[in-house]
Amino acid sequence: MEEISIRQAQEQVDEWIKTIGVRYFNELTNMTILTEEVGELARIMSRKYGEQSFKKGAPEPDLGDELADVLWVLICLANQTGVDLTAAFQKNMEKKTQRDSDRHKNNEKL
């Protein structure tokens, strides 16, 4: 499978929405869908890595698919609000690097 950049992912989602999805859901609907998808991800995480368990006989859900669902809706929100996720991510990494350069190294809990 060929790797794609964040920018390419934004472009692919936009093209899919325009050709197959008809249009973007509005921003508030997509925010609600994102919350729903994060809830589905949380359910898997609590059962796979936490103290809850899956129901006997139920197929184990696909963690990667749920993470991709979260990414999909996040990309939709970025596209419809004009956010370039590549630029935003780079800026965020710089912020974290400056802010936290010693913070975690000096954290006794870590």
PDB file of N, CA and C in Angstrom:
ATOM      1  N   MET A   1       0.843  -1.185   0.000  1.00  0.00           N
ATOM      2  CA  MET A   1       0.000   0.000   0.000  1.00  0.00           C
ATOM      3  C   MET A   1       0.891   1.251   0.000  1.00  0.00           C
ATOM      4  N   GLU A   2       0.564   2.172  -0.837  1.00  0.00           N
ATOM      5  CA  GLU A   2       1.344   3.397  -0.968  1.00  0.00           C
ATOM      6  C   GLU A   2       1.045   4.357   0.178  1.00  0.00           C
ATOM      7  N   GLU A   3       2.099   4.936   0.735  1.00  0.00           N
ATOM      8  CA  GLU A   3       1.919   5.921   1.798  1.00  0.00           C
ATOM      9  C   GLU A   3       1.408   7.226   1.210  1.00  0.00           C
ATOM     10  N   ILE A   4       0.620   7.933   2.003  1.00  0.00           N
ATOM     11  CA  ILE A   4       0.134   9.246   1.591  1.00  0.00           C
ATOM     12  C   ILE A   4       0.416  10.255   2.690  1.00  0.00           C
ATOM     13  N   SER A   5       0.548  11.503   2.303  1.00  0.00           N
ATOM     14  CA  SER A   5       0.781  12.574   3.266  1.00  0.00           C
ATOM     15  C   SER A   5      -0.551  13.020   3.867  1.00  0.00           C
ATOM     16  N   ILE A   6      -0.472  13.808   4.904  1.00  0.00           N
ATOM     17  CA  ILE A   6      -1.690  14.364   5.496  1.00  0.00           C
ATOM     18  C   ILE A   6      -2.413  15.220   4.451  1.00  0.00           C
ATOM     19  N   ARG A   7      -1.675  16.010   3.715  1.00  0.00           N
ATOM     20  CA  ARG A   7      -2.275  16.859   2.682  1.00  0.00           C
ATOM     21  C   ARG A   7      -2.994  16.013   1.632  1.00  0.00           C
ATOM     22  N   GLN A   8      -2.360  14.909   1.215  1.00  0.00           N
ATOM     23  CA  GLN A   8      -3.001  14.019   0.245  1.00  0.00           C
ATOM     24  C   GLN A   8      -4.267  13.393   0.832  1.00  0.00           C
ATOM     25  N   ALA A   9      -4.232  13.050   2.107  1.00  0.00           N
ATOM     26  CA  ALA A   9      -5.423  12.498   2.758  1.00  0.00           C
ATOM     27  C   ALA A   9      -6.551  13.529   2.749  1.00  0.00           C
ATOM     28  N   GLN A  10      -6.217  14.786   3.031  1.00  0.00           N
ATOM     29  CA  GLN A  10      -7.237  15.833   2.986  1.00  0.00           C
ATOM     30  C   GLN A  10      -7.820  15.947   1.577  1.00  0.00           C
ATOM     31  N   GLU A  11      -6.973  15.877   0.584  1.00  0.00           N
ATOM     32  CA  GLU A  11      -7.438  15.964  -0.805  1.00  0.00           C
ATOM     33  C   GLU A  11      -8.303  14.762  -1.179  1.00  0.00           C
ATOM     34  N   GLN A  12      -7.911  13.571  -0.747  1.00  0.00           N
ATOM     35  CA  GLN A  12      -8.687  12.366  -1.067  1.00  0.00           C
ATOM     36  C   GLN A  12     -10.061  12.400  -0.417  1.00  0.00           C
ATOM     37  N   VAL A  13     -10.111  12.826   0.833  1.00  0.00           N
ATOM     38  CA  VAL A  13     -11.407  12.927   1.508  1.00  0.00           C
ATOM     39  C   VAL A  13     -12.286  13.947   0.800  1.00  0.00           C
ATOM     40  N   ASP A  14     -11.720  15.082   0.441  1.00  0.00           N
ATOM     41  CA  ASP A  14     -12.492  16.118  -0.242  1.00  0.00           C
ATOM     42  C   ASP A  14     -13.040  15.606  -1.575  1.00  0.00           C
ATOM     43  N   GLU A  15     -12.203  14.911  -2.327  1.00  0.00           N
ATOM     44  CA  GLU A  15     -12.639  14.350  -3.612  1.00  0.00           C
ATOM     45  C   GLU A  15     -13.753  13.317  -3.405  1.00  0.00           C
ATOM     46  N   TRP A  16     -13.620  12.483  -2.395  1.00  0.00           N
ATOM     47  CA  TRP A  16     -14.642  11.470  -2.102  1.00  0.00           C
ATOM     48  C   TRP A  16     -15.968  12.137  -1.736  1.00  0.00           C
ATOM     49  N   ILE A  17     -15.882  13.152  -0.892  1.00  0.00           N
ATOM     50  CA  ILE A  17     -17.101  13.868  -0.480  1.00  0.00           C
ATOM     51  C   ILE A  17     -17.789  14.466  -1.702  1.00  0.00           C
ATOM     52  N   LYS A  18     -17.027  15.074  -2.589  1.00  0.00           N
ATOM     53  CA  LYS A  18     -17.606  15.755  -3.753  1.00  0.00           C
ATOM     54  C   LYS A  18     -18.141  14.786  -4.802  1.00  0.00           C
ATOM     55  N   THR A  19     -17.597  13.579  -4.883  1.00  0.00           N
ATOM     56  CA  THR A  19     -18.016  12.658  -5.939  1.00  0.00           C
ATOM     57  C   THR A  19     -18.925  11.533  -5.457  1.00  0.00           C
ATOM     58  N   ILE A  20     -18.772  11.113  -4.213  1.00  0.00           N
ATOM     59  CA  ILE A  20     -19.559   9.996  -3.697  1.00  0.00           C
ATOM     60  C   ILE A  20     -20.454  10.432  -2.545  1.00  0.00           C
ATOM     61  N   GLY A  21     -19.934  11.248  -1.665  1.00  0.00           N
ATOM     62  CA  GLY A  21     -20.668  11.654  -0.468  1.00  0.00           C
ATOM     63  C   GLY A  21     -21.647  12.785  -0.677  1.00  0.00           C
ATOM     64  N   VAL A  22     -21.698  13.358  -1.840  1.00  0.00           N
ATOM     65  CA  VAL A  22     -22.585  14.457  -2.235  1.00  0.00           C
ATOM     66  C   VAL A  22     -22.156  15.795  -1.636  1.00  0.00           C
ATOM     67  N   ARG A  23     -22.035  15.865  -0.317  1.00  0.00           N
ATOM     68  CA  ARG A  23     -21.611  17.108   0.338  1.00  0.00           C
ATOM     69  C   ARG A  23     -21.152  16.784   1.746  1.00  0.00           C
ATOM     70  N   TYR A  24     -20.454  17.736   2.361  1.00  0.00           N
ATOM     71  CA  TYR A  24     -20.064  17.588   3.764  1.00  0.00           C
ATOM     72  C   TYR A  24     -21.297  17.755   4.633  1.00  0.00           C
ATOM     73  N   PHE A  25     -21.381  16.982   5.721  1.00  0.00           N
ATOM     74  CA  PHE A  25     -22.354  17.302   6.761  1.00  0.00           C
ATOM     75  C   PHE A  25     -21.910  18.624   7.363  1.00  0.00           C
ATOM     76  N   ASN A  26     -22.808  19.354   7.999  1.00  0.00           N
ATOM     77  CA  ASN A  26     -22.377  20.622   8.574  1.00  0.00           C
ATOM     78  C   ASN A  26     -21.401  20.376   9.732  1.00  0.00           C
ATOM     79  N   GLU A  27     -20.729  21.424  10.127  1.00  0.00           N
ATOM     80  CA  GLU A  27     -19.663  21.306  11.115  1.00  0.00           C
ATOM     81  C   GLU A  27     -20.152  20.729  12.445  1.00  0.00           C
ATOM     82  N   LEU A  28     -21.313  21.142  12.896  1.00  0.00           N
ATOM     83  CA  LEU A  28     -21.821  20.622  14.171  1.00  0.00           C
ATOM     84  C   LEU A  28     -22.176  19.141  14.062  1.00  0.00           C
ATOM     85  N   THR A  29     -22.732  18.744  12.931  1.00  0.00           N
ATOM     86  CA  THR A  29     -23.013  17.318  12.729  1.00  0.00           C
ATOM     87  C   THR A  29     -21.719  16.526  12.717  1.00  0.00           C
ATOM     88  N   ASN A  30     -20.713  17.028  12.007  1.00  0.00           N
ATOM     89  CA  ASN A  30     -19.437  16.317  11.970  1.00  0.00           C
ATOM     90  C   ASN A  30     -18.768  16.280  13.345  1.00  0.00           C
ATOM     91  N   MET A  31     -18.940  17.327  14.140  1.00  0.00           N
ATOM     92  CA  MET A  31     -18.378  17.304  15.496  1.00  0.00           C
ATOM     93  C   MET A  31     -19.053  16.209  16.316  1.00  0.00           C
ATOM     94  N   THR A  32     -20.348  16.064  16.143  1.00  0.00           N
ATOM     95  CA  THR A  32     -21.078  15.017  16.856  1.00  0.00           C
ATOM     96  C   THR A  32     -20.652  13.633  16.370  1.00  0.00           C
ATOM     97  N   ILE A  33     -20.475  13.497  15.063  1.00  0.00           N
ATOM     98  CA  ILE A  33     -20.007  12.219  14.508  1.00  0.00           C
ATOM     99  C   ILE A  33     -18.608  11.897  15.038  1.00  0.00           C
ATOM    100  N   LEU A  34     -17.742  12.907  15.129  1.00  0.00           N
ATOM    101  CA  LEU A  34     -16.401  12.694  15.673  1.00  0.00           C
ATOM    102  C   LEU A  34     -16.489  12.179  17.106  1.00  0.00           C
ATOM    103  N   THR A  35     -17.359  12.778  17.889  1.00  0.00           N
ATOM    104  CA  THR A  35     -17.550  12.336  19.273  1.00  0.00           C
ATOM    105  C   THR A  35     -18.021  10.886  19.320  1.00  0.00           C
ATOM    106  N   GLU A  36     -18.943  10.545  18.438  1.00  0.00           N
ATOM    107  CA  GLU A  36     -19.434   9.166  18.355  1.00  0.00           C
ATOM    108  C   GLU A  36     -18.300   8.200  18.003  1.00  0.00           C
ATOM    109  N   GLU A  37     -17.498   8.564  17.020  1.00  0.00           N
ATOM    110  CA  GLU A  37     -16.397   7.696  16.596  1.00  0.00           C
ATOM    111  C   GLU A  37     -15.353   7.548  17.700  1.00  0.00           C
ATOM    112  N   VAL A  38     -15.062   8.624  18.422  1.00  0.00           N
ATOM    113  CA  VAL A  38     -14.117   8.540  19.538  1.00  0.00           C
ATOM    114  C   VAL A  38     -14.692   7.631  20.623  1.00  0.00           C
ATOM    115  N   GLY A  39     -16.004   7.674  20.823  1.00  0.00           N
ATOM    116  CA  GLY A  39     -16.647   6.771  21.779  1.00  0.00           C
ATOM    117  C   GLY A  39     -16.480   5.315  21.382  1.00  0.00           C
ATOM    118  N   GLU A  40     -16.623   5.028  20.093  1.00  0.00           N
ATOM    119  CA  GLU A  40     -16.435   3.657  19.615  1.00  0.00           C
ATOM    120  C   GLU A  40     -14.989   3.213  19.822  1.00  0.00           C
ATOM    121  N   LEU A  41     -14.064   4.115  19.583  1.00  0.00           N
ATOM    122  CA  LEU A  41     -12.646   3.829  19.815  1.00  0.00           C
ATOM    123  C   LEU A  41     -12.404   3.584  21.309  1.00  0.00           C
ATOM    124  N   ALA A  42     -12.987   4.406  22.152  1.00  0.00           N
ATOM    125  CA  ALA A  42     -12.821   4.262  23.597  1.00  0.00           C
ATOM    126  C   ALA A  42     -13.358   2.918  24.084  1.00  0.00           C
ATOM    127  N   ARG A  43     -14.445   2.478  23.504  1.00  0.00           N
ATOM    128  CA  ARG A  43     -15.025   1.183  23.878  1.00  0.00           C
ATOM    129  C   ARG A  43     -14.031   0.050  23.604  1.00  0.00           C
ATOM    130  N   ILE A  44     -13.403   0.089  22.442  1.00  0.00           N
ATOM    131  CA  ILE A  44     -12.418  -0.940  22.104  1.00  0.00           C
ATOM    132  C   ILE A  44     -11.217  -0.852  23.048  1.00  0.00           C
ATOM    133  N   MET A  45     -10.727   0.356  23.266  1.00  0.00           N
ATOM    134  CA  MET A  45      -9.543   0.532  24.113  1.00  0.00           C
ATOM    135  C   MET A  45      -9.806   0.045  25.539  1.00  0.00           C
ATOM    136  N   SER A  46     -10.985   0.332  26.070  1.00  0.00           N
ATOM    137  CA  SER A  46     -11.287  -0.074  27.450  1.00  0.00           C
ATOM    138  C   SER A  46     -11.390  -1.583  27.582  1.00  0.00           C
ATOM    139  N   ARG A  47     -11.754  -2.236  26.497  1.00  0.00           N
ATOM    140  CA  ARG A  47     -11.878  -3.688  26.530  1.00  0.00           C
ATOM    141  C   ARG A  47     -10.566  -4.400  26.184  1.00  0.00           C
ATOM    142  N   LYS A  48      -9.823  -3.820  25.292  1.00  0.00           N
ATOM    143  CA  LYS A  48      -8.571  -4.458  24.869  1.00  0.00           C
ATOM    144  C   LYS A  48      -7.425  -4.168  25.836  1.00  0.00           C
ATOM    145  N   TYR A  49      -7.346  -2.928  26.338  1.00  0.00           N
ATOM    146  CA  TYR A  49      -6.221  -2.528  27.179  1.00  0.00           C
ATOM    147  C   TYR A  49      -6.624  -2.192  28.609  1.00  0.00           C
ATOM    148  N   GLY A  50      -7.907  -2.014  28.835  1.00  0.00           N
ATOM    149  CA  GLY A  50      -8.391  -1.662  30.171  1.00  0.00           C
ATOM    150  C   GLY A  50      -8.942  -2.872  30.908  1.00  0.00           C
ATOM    151  N   GLU A  51      -9.796  -2.616  31.855  1.00  0.00           N
ATOM    152  CA  GLU A  51     -10.296  -3.663  32.733  1.00  0.00           C
ATOM    153  C   GLU A  51     -11.612  -4.270  32.274  1.00  0.00           C
ATOM    154  N   GLN A  52     -12.214  -3.722  31.240  1.00  0.00           N
ATOM    155  CA  GLN A  52     -13.434  -4.318  30.719  1.00  0.00           C
ATOM    156  C   GLN A  52     -13.079  -5.442  29.752  1.00  0.00           C
ATOM    157  N   SER A  53     -14.073  -6.248  29.401  1.00  0.00           N
ATOM    158  CA  SER A  53     -13.819  -7.349  28.477  1.00  0.00           C
ATOM    159  C   SER A  53     -14.864  -7.354  27.371  1.00  0.00           C
ATOM    160  N   PHE A  54     -14.499  -7.990  26.272  1.00  0.00           N
ATOM    161  CA  PHE A  54     -15.438  -8.156  25.166  1.00  0.00           C
ATOM    162  C   PHE A  54     -16.457  -9.220  25.558  1.00  0.00           C
ATOM    163  N   LYS A  55     -17.650  -9.121  25.001  1.00  0.00           N
ATOM    164  CA  LYS A  55     -18.670 -10.139  25.229  1.00  0.00           C
ATOM    165  C   LYS A  55     -18.220 -11.442  24.581  1.00  0.00           C
ATOM    166  N   LYS A  56     -18.494 -12.547  25.260  1.00  0.00           N
ATOM    167  CA  LYS A  56     -18.106 -13.855  24.712  1.00  0.00           C
ATOM    168  C   LYS A  56     -18.816 -14.097  23.392  1.00  0.00           C
ATOM    169  N   GLY A  57     -18.047 -14.553  22.419  1.00  0.00           N
ATOM    170  CA  GLY A  57     -18.596 -14.876  21.117  1.00  0.00           C
ATOM    171  C   GLY A  57     -18.703 -13.708  20.158  1.00  0.00           C
ATOM    172  N   ALA A  58     -18.528 -12.502  20.672  1.00  0.00           N
ATOM    173  CA  ALA A  58     -18.598 -11.320  19.800  1.00  0.00           C
ATOM    174  C   ALA A  58     -17.262 -11.183  19.058  1.00  0.00           C
ATOM    175  N   PRO A  59     -17.326 -10.853  17.779  1.00  0.00           N
ATOM    176  CA  PRO A  59     -16.060 -10.673  17.047  1.00  0.00           C
ATOM    177  C   PRO A  59     -15.297  -9.465  17.592  1.00  0.00           C
ATOM    178  N   GLU A  60     -13.976  -9.606  17.637  1.00  0.00           N
ATOM    179  CA  GLU A  60     -13.169  -8.497  18.122  1.00  0.00           C
ATOM    180  C   GLU A  60     -13.174  -7.384  17.082  1.00  0.00           C
ATOM    181  N   PRO A  61     -13.530  -6.174  17.482  1.00  0.00           N
ATOM    182  CA  PRO A  61     -13.563  -5.065  16.516  1.00  0.00           C
ATOM    183  C   PRO A  61     -12.167  -4.709  16.010  1.00  0.00           C
ATOM    184  N   ASP A  62     -12.136  -4.025  14.890  1.00  0.00           N
ATOM    185  CA  ASP A  62     -10.897  -3.644  14.225  1.00  0.00           C
ATOM    186  C   ASP A  62     -10.447  -2.273  14.727  1.00  0.00           C
ATOM    187  N   LEU A  63      -9.422  -2.256  15.581  1.00  0.00           N
ATOM    188  CA  LEU A  63      -8.918  -1.012  16.157  1.00  0.00           C
ATOM    189  C   LEU A  63      -8.462  -0.044  15.076  1.00  0.00           C
ATOM    190  N   GLY A  64      -7.756  -0.544  14.071  1.00  0.00           N
ATOM    191  CA  GLY A  64      -7.278   0.314  12.986  1.00  0.00           C
ATOM    192  C   GLY A  64      -8.413   0.986  12.243  1.00  0.00           C
ATOM    193  N   ASP A  65      -9.485   0.251  12.016  1.00  0.00           N
ATOM    194  CA  ASP A  65     -10.643   0.811  11.328  1.00  0.00           C
ATOM    195  C   ASP A  65     -11.279   1.923  12.147  1.00  0.00           C
ATOM    196  N   GLU A  66     -11.359   1.724  13.447  1.00  0.00           N
ATOM    197  CA  GLU A  66     -11.949   2.765  14.304  1.00  0.00           C
ATOM    198  C   GLU A  66     -11.058   4.004  14.355  1.00  0.00           C
ATOM    199  N   LEU A  67      -9.745   3.807  14.418  1.00  0.00           N
ATOM    200  CA  LEU A  67      -8.838   4.962  14.373  1.00  0.00           C
ATOM    201  C   LEU A  67      -8.987   5.704  13.049  1.00  0.00           C
ATOM    202  N   ALA A  68      -9.137   4.963  11.956  1.00  0.00           N
ATOM    203  CA  ALA A  68      -9.314   5.583  10.637  1.00  0.00           C
ATOM    204  C   ALA A  68     -10.637   6.349  10.568  1.00  0.00           C
ATOM    205  N   ASP A  69     -11.687   5.836  11.222  1.00  0.00           N
ATOM    206  CA  ASP A  69     -12.962   6.566  11.262  1.00  0.00           C
ATOM    207  C   ASP A  69     -12.788   7.919  11.953  1.00  0.00           C
ATOM    208  N   VAL A  70     -12.041   7.931  13.056  1.00  0.00           N
ATOM    209  CA  VAL A  70     -11.779   9.187  13.773  1.00  0.00           C
ATOM    210  C   VAL A  70     -10.996  10.139  12.861  1.00  0.00           C
ATOM    211  N   LEU A  71      -9.968   9.614  12.199  1.00  0.00           N
ATOM    212  CA  LEU A  71      -9.151  10.437  11.297  1.00  0.00           C
ATOM    213  C   LEU A  71      -9.997  11.003  10.162  1.00  0.00           C
ATOM    214  N   TRP A  72     -10.869  10.179   9.597  1.00  0.00           N
ATOM    215  CA  TRP A  72     -11.740  10.603   8.489  1.00  0.00           C
ATOM    216  C   TRP A  72     -12.567  11.832   8.880  1.00  0.00           C
ATOM    217  N   VAL A  73     -13.240  11.744  10.007  1.00  0.00           N
ATOM    218  CA  VAL A  73     -14.117  12.848  10.413  1.00  0.00           C
ATOM    219  C   VAL A  73     -13.290  14.064  10.795  1.00  0.00           C
ATOM    220  N   LEU A  74     -12.135  13.849  11.412  1.00  0.00           N
ATOM    221  CA  LEU A  74     -11.249  14.966  11.736  1.00  0.00           C
ATOM    222  C   LEU A  74     -10.806  15.683  10.464  1.00  0.00           C
ATOM    223  N   ILE A  75     -10.492  14.911   9.433  1.00  0.00           N
ATOM    224  CA  ILE A  75     -10.116  15.497   8.147  1.00  0.00           C
ATOM    225  C   ILE A  75     -11.299  16.251   7.538  1.00  0.00           C
ATOM    226  N   CYS A  76     -12.484  15.706   7.638  1.00  0.00           N
ATOM    227  CA  CYS A  76     -13.672  16.416   7.138  1.00  0.00           C
ATOM    228  C   CYS A  76     -13.803  17.774   7.817  1.00  0.00           C
ATOM    229  N   LEU A  77     -13.660  17.799   9.138  1.00  0.00           N
ATOM    230  CA  LEU A  77     -13.765  19.065   9.874  1.00  0.00           C
ATOM    231  C   LEU A  77     -12.671  20.045   9.443  1.00  0.00           C
ATOM    232  N   ALA A  78     -11.464  19.549   9.258  1.00  0.00           N
ATOM    233  CA  ALA A  78     -10.375  20.422   8.808  1.00  0.00           C
ATOM    234  C   ALA A  78     -10.680  20.986   7.434  1.00  0.00           C
ATOM    235  N   ASN A  79     -11.130  20.131   6.528  1.00  0.00           N
ATOM    236  CA  ASN A  79     -11.421  20.586   5.169  1.00  0.00           C
ATOM    237  C   ASN A  79     -12.504  21.653   5.157  1.00  0.00           C
ATOM    238  N   GLN A  80     -13.565  21.415   5.867  1.00  0.00           N
ATOM    239  CA  GLN A  80     -14.691  22.347   5.773  1.00  0.00           C
ATOM    240  C   GLN A  80     -14.466  23.634   6.561  1.00  0.00           C
ATOM    241  N   THR A  81     -13.461  23.653   7.435  1.00  0.00           N
ATOM    242  CA  THR A  81     -13.157  24.883   8.163  1.00  0.00           C
ATOM    243  C   THR A  81     -11.885  25.555   7.658  1.00  0.00           C
ATOM    244  N   GLY A  82     -11.299  24.998   6.586  1.00  0.00           N
ATOM    245  CA  GLY A  82     -10.142  25.620   5.959  1.00  0.00           C
ATOM    246  C   GLY A  82      -8.828  25.424   6.693  1.00  0.00           C
ATOM    247  N   VAL A  83      -8.721  24.367   7.480  1.00  0.00           N
ATOM    248  CA  VAL A  83      -7.485  24.108   8.211  1.00  0.00           C
ATOM    249  C   VAL A  83      -6.584  23.185   7.388  1.00  0.00           C
ATOM    250  N   ASP A  84      -5.355  23.613   7.174  1.00  0.00           N
ATOM    251  CA  ASP A  84      -4.333  22.787   6.545  1.00  0.00           C
ATOM    252  C   ASP A  84      -3.701  21.973   7.668  1.00  0.00           C
ATOM    253  N   LEU A  85      -4.053  20.699   7.763  1.00  0.00           N
ATOM    254  CA  LEU A  85      -3.574  19.877   8.872  1.00  0.00           C
ATOM    255  C   LEU A  85      -2.059  19.688   8.863  1.00  0.00           C
ATOM    256  N   THR A  86      -1.442  19.711   7.697  1.00  0.00           N
ATOM    257  CA  THR A  86       0.015  19.591   7.647  1.00  0.00           C
ATOM    258  C   THR A  86       0.650  20.774   8.357  1.00  0.00           C
ATOM    259  N   ALA A  87       0.236  21.971   8.005  1.00  0.00           N
ATOM    260  CA  ALA A  87       0.781  23.180   8.626  1.00  0.00           C
ATOM    261  C   ALA A  87       0.426  23.236  10.112  1.00  0.00           C
ATOM    262  N   ALA A  88      -0.800  22.882  10.443  1.00  0.00           N
ATOM    263  CA  ALA A  88      -1.232  22.913  11.841  1.00  0.00           C
ATOM    264  C   ALA A  88      -0.443  21.917  12.680  1.00  0.00           C
ATOM    265  N   PHE A  89      -0.200  20.725  12.114  1.00  0.00           N
ATOM    266  CA  PHE A  89       0.563  19.706  12.844  1.00  0.00           C
ATOM    267  C   PHE A  89       2.002  20.164  13.062  1.00  0.00           C
ATOM    268  N   GLN A  90       2.609  20.715  12.035  1.00  0.00           N
ATOM    269  CA  GLN A  90       3.995  21.186  12.167  1.00  0.00           C
ATOM    270  C   GLN A  90       4.096  22.284  13.226  1.00  0.00           C
ATOM    271  N   LYS A  91       3.161  23.210  13.203  1.00  0.00           N
ATOM    272  CA  LYS A  91       3.141  24.304  14.187  1.00  0.00           C
ATOM    273  C   LYS A  91       2.938  23.739  15.593  1.00  0.00           C
ATOM    274  N   ASN A  92       2.060  22.744  15.716  1.00  0.00           N
ATOM    275  CA  ASN A  92       1.782  22.132  17.003  1.00  0.00           C
ATOM    276  C   ASN A  92       3.000  21.387  17.545  1.00  0.00           C
ATOM    277  N   MET A  93       3.725  20.705  16.663  1.00  0.00           N
ATOM    278  CA  MET A  93       4.937  20.003  17.087  1.00  0.00           C
ATOM    279  C   MET A  93       5.993  20.986  17.593  1.00  0.00           C
ATOM    280  N   GLU A  94       6.125  22.120  16.906  1.00  0.00           N
ATOM    281  CA  GLU A  94       7.072  23.147  17.350  1.00  0.00           C
ATOM    282  C   GLU A  94       6.677  23.676  18.723  1.00  0.00           C
ATOM    283  N   LYS A  95       5.386  23.918  18.916  1.00  0.00           N
ATOM    284  CA  LYS A  95       4.893  24.413  20.201  1.00  0.00           C
ATOM    285  C   LYS A  95       5.206  23.414  21.309  1.00  0.00           C
ATOM    286  N   LYS A  96       4.883  22.152  21.079  1.00  0.00           N
ATOM    287  CA  LYS A  96       5.130  21.123  22.086  1.00  0.00           C
ATOM    288  C   LYS A  96       6.620  20.971  22.385  1.00  0.00           C
ATOM    289  N   THR A  97       7.442  21.047  21.358  1.00  0.00           N
ATOM    290  CA  THR A  97       8.882  20.899  21.538  1.00  0.00           C
ATOM    291  C   THR A  97       9.433  22.027  22.404  1.00  0.00           C
ATOM    292  N   GLN A  98       9.012  23.251  22.132  1.00  0.00           N
ATOM    293  CA  GLN A  98       9.479  24.386  22.930  1.00  0.00           C
ATOM    294  C   GLN A  98       8.934  24.318  24.354  1.00  0.00           C
ATOM    295  N   ARG A  99       7.669  24.052  24.481  1.00  0.00           N
ATOM    296  CA  ARG A  99       7.015  24.064  25.791  1.00  0.00           C
ATOM    297  C   ARG A  99       7.480  22.910  26.675  1.00  0.00           C
ATOM    298  N   ASP A 100       7.692  21.756  26.063  1.00  0.00           N
ATOM    299  CA  ASP A 100       7.924  20.549  26.854  1.00  0.00           C
ATOM    300  C   ASP A 100       9.346  20.003  26.747  1.00  0.00           C
ATOM    301  N   SER A 101      10.294  20.836  26.323  1.00  0.00           N
ATOM    302  CA  SER A 101      11.649  20.332  26.083  1.00  0.00           C
ATOM    303  C   SER A 101      12.242  19.639  27.312  1.00  0.00           C
ATOM    304  N   ASP A 102      11.945  20.106  28.509  1.00  0.00           N
ATOM    305  CA  ASP A 102      12.455  19.477  29.730  1.00  0.00           C
ATOM    306  C   ASP A 102      11.349  18.947  30.634  1.00  0.00           C
ATOM    307  N   ARG A 103      10.141  19.298  30.336  1.00  0.00           N
ATOM    308  CA  ARG A 103       9.017  18.967  31.223  1.00  0.00           C
ATOM    309  C   ARG A 103       8.920  17.471  31.516  1.00  0.00           C
ATOM    310  N   HIS A 104       8.962  16.646  30.498  1.00  0.00           N
ATOM    311  CA  HIS A 104       8.778  15.213  30.711  1.00  0.00           C
ATOM    312  C   HIS A 104      10.030  14.553  31.286  1.00  0.00           C
ATOM    313  N   LYS A 105      11.186  15.056  30.894  1.00  0.00           N
ATOM    314  CA  LYS A 105      12.434  14.526  31.435  1.00  0.00           C
ATOM    315  C   LYS A 105      12.527  14.751  32.944  1.00  0.00           C
ATOM    316  N   ASN A 106      11.957  15.862  33.403  1.00  0.00           N
ATOM    317  CA  ASN A 106      12.028  16.227  34.816  1.00  0.00           C
ATOM    318  C   ASN A 106      10.815  15.766  35.608  1.00  0.00           C
ATOM    319  N   ASN A 107       9.936  15.004  35.005  1.00  0.00           N
ATOM    320  CA  ASN A 107       8.746  14.536  35.694  1.00  0.00           C
ATOM    321  C   ASN A 107       9.056  13.257  36.453  1.00  0.00           C
ATOM    322  N   GLU A 108       9.036  13.320  37.754  1.00  0.00           N
ATOM    323  CA  GLU A 108       9.370  12.165  38.593  1.00  0.00           C
ATOM    324  C   GLU A 108       8.401  10.998  38.373  1.00  0.00           C
ATOM    325  N   LYS A 109       7.194  11.297  37.927  1.00  0.00           N
ATOM    326  CA  LYS A 109       6.191  10.243  37.711  1.00  0.00           C
ATOM    327  C   LYS A 109       6.510   9.402  36.478  1.00  0.00           C
ATOM    328  N   LEU A 110       7.325   9.954  35.587  1.00  0.00           N
ATOM    329  CA  LEU A 110       7.702   9.210  34.389  1.00  0.00           C
ATOM    330  C   LEU A 110       9.015   8.541  34.631  1.00  0.00           C
TER     331      LEU A 110
END
